[in-house]
Each structure stands twice: as C-alpha cells, then as structure tokens.
Protein backbone atom coordinates (compact mmCIF):
# COMPACT_ATOMS: atom_id res chain seq x y z
CA MET A 1 21.00 54.49 -62.74
CA VAL A 2 18.18 56.93 -63.11
CA GLY A 3 19.01 58.54 -59.60
CA LEU A 4 22.82 57.83 -59.53
CA LEU A 5 23.95 58.39 -62.95
CA GLY A 6 21.22 60.64 -64.24
CA LEU A 7 20.33 58.28 -67.16
CA ASN A 8 16.64 58.64 -68.59
CA LEU A 9 14.25 55.19 -68.38
CA LYS A 10 15.46 53.77 -71.69
CA LYS A 11 18.89 54.21 -71.30
CA ALA A 12 18.68 52.73 -67.81
CA THR A 13 16.84 50.07 -68.93
CA ALA A 14 19.04 49.42 -71.70
CA GLN A 15 22.19 48.96 -69.27
CA THR A 16 20.61 47.01 -67.07
CA LYS A 17 19.94 44.85 -69.78
CA VAL A 18 23.68 44.21 -70.55
CA MET A 19 24.58 43.90 -66.85
CA ASN A 20 22.19 41.28 -66.07
CA PHE A 21 23.43 39.34 -69.06
CA THR A 22 27.17 39.79 -68.04
CA SER A 23 25.99 38.80 -64.52
CA ASN A 24 24.34 35.61 -65.69
CA ILE A 25 27.56 34.55 -67.69
CA VAL A 26 29.54 34.94 -64.71
CA SER A 27 27.40 33.18 -62.40
CA LEU A 28 26.90 30.17 -65.03
CA ALA A 29 30.75 29.92 -65.02
CA VAL A 30 30.97 29.84 -61.63
CA PHE A 31 28.50 27.27 -61.63
CA LEU A 32 30.06 25.10 -64.41
CA TRP A 33 33.33 25.23 -62.42
CA SER A 34 31.64 23.77 -59.17
CA GLY A 35 29.71 21.18 -61.28
CA ASN A 36 26.64 22.39 -59.89
CA VAL A 37 24.49 22.85 -62.80
CA LEU A 38 21.02 21.75 -63.45
CA PHE A 39 20.83 22.26 -67.11
CA ALA A 40 17.31 21.64 -67.69
CA ILE A 41 16.20 24.26 -65.36
CA GLY A 42 19.11 26.42 -66.58
CA PHE A 43 17.76 26.38 -70.37
CA LEU A 44 14.41 27.19 -69.32
CA MET A 45 15.16 30.01 -66.89
CA GLY A 46 17.22 31.31 -70.02
CA PHE A 47 14.73 30.70 -72.24
CA GLY A 48 12.40 32.57 -69.83
CA GLN A 49 14.79 35.51 -69.76
CA VAL A 50 15.39 35.85 -73.47
CA ILE A 51 11.83 36.02 -73.88
CA GLY A 52 11.32 38.88 -71.10
CA ALA A 53 14.11 40.91 -72.18
CA TYR A 54 12.79 40.86 -75.65
CA PHE A 55 9.10 41.78 -74.76
CA GLY A 56 10.66 43.97 -72.23
CA SER A 57 12.76 45.71 -74.57
CA ASN A 58 10.14 46.25 -77.00
CA MET A 59 7.85 47.84 -74.52
CA VAL A 60 10.11 50.75 -73.65
CA ILE A 61 10.71 51.26 -76.80
CA LYS A 62 7.42 51.39 -77.84
CA LYS A 63 5.74 52.94 -74.71
CA GLU A 64 5.89 56.40 -73.49
CA VAL A 65 8.34 56.81 -70.34
CA LYS A 66 5.18 57.37 -68.42
CA PHE A 67 3.89 53.91 -68.96
CA ILE A 68 7.05 51.95 -68.22
CA ARG A 69 7.81 53.93 -64.62
CA LEU A 70 4.29 53.24 -63.61
CA PHE A 71 4.71 49.52 -64.59
CA PHE A 72 7.90 49.43 -63.26
CA LEU A 73 6.63 50.91 -60.14
CA THR A 74 4.05 48.62 -59.79
CA MET A 75 6.10 45.72 -60.11
CA VAL A 76 8.38 47.24 -57.50
CA ALA A 77 5.20 47.62 -55.09
CA LEU A 78 3.70 43.85 -55.71
CA THR A 79 7.22 42.73 -54.92
CA LEU A 80 7.53 44.47 -51.66
CA MET A 81 3.96 43.33 -50.63
CA LYS A 82 4.62 39.78 -51.44
CA LEU A 83 8.20 39.81 -49.45
CA ILE A 84 6.44 41.57 -46.52
CA TYR A 85 3.64 38.92 -46.31
CA SER A 86 5.99 35.84 -46.63
CA SER A 87 7.91 37.39 -43.88
CA TYR A 88 5.03 37.38 -41.78
CA ILE A 89 3.62 33.85 -42.61
CA ALA A 90 7.28 32.18 -42.62
C-alpha cells in the first residue's frame, strides 16, 4: 500500500487493519458453512488479534513513522529468517 498506492505508513496500517478484519469475517463464514470451526481456538486467536490490533494501532498513533518502519522491517526480517531456517531443517 505504501509502494503501490502511495499511502503513508499510518494510513497503510489503518487500511490493513480493515482488510484483515474483513478477510477474517469471510474466512469465519466459510468455515462455519463447512462445519470446520474449532470455537475455543478461534476465540483465543480472535482475542489475540484484537489485543494485537489495539496495541499495534496505538503504537502507530503514538510513535513516529521512523520507529514503526524499523519495527516492521525487523519483524519481516525475523519472519524471513525463520522461514528459511525451517525450510532447511524440515
């Protein structure tokens, strides 16, 4: 969204929260329709998502964009390293 749509980091983060919520609702509907819902795990994951979105949104609002960009790139790098490590171990 930053690169393709030209949004600043704060607006792009807000947009991704809305898109993530929408995709989760659609996914829930599909899994409910197919009867493949593990409600206890789903509620736990939903609760975690709400907490993460709350803290993440507040961080974006309170911190400067430079910090958010560094945090984001650090998480992407760690995730990439984990995926590379997992692909060689498995």
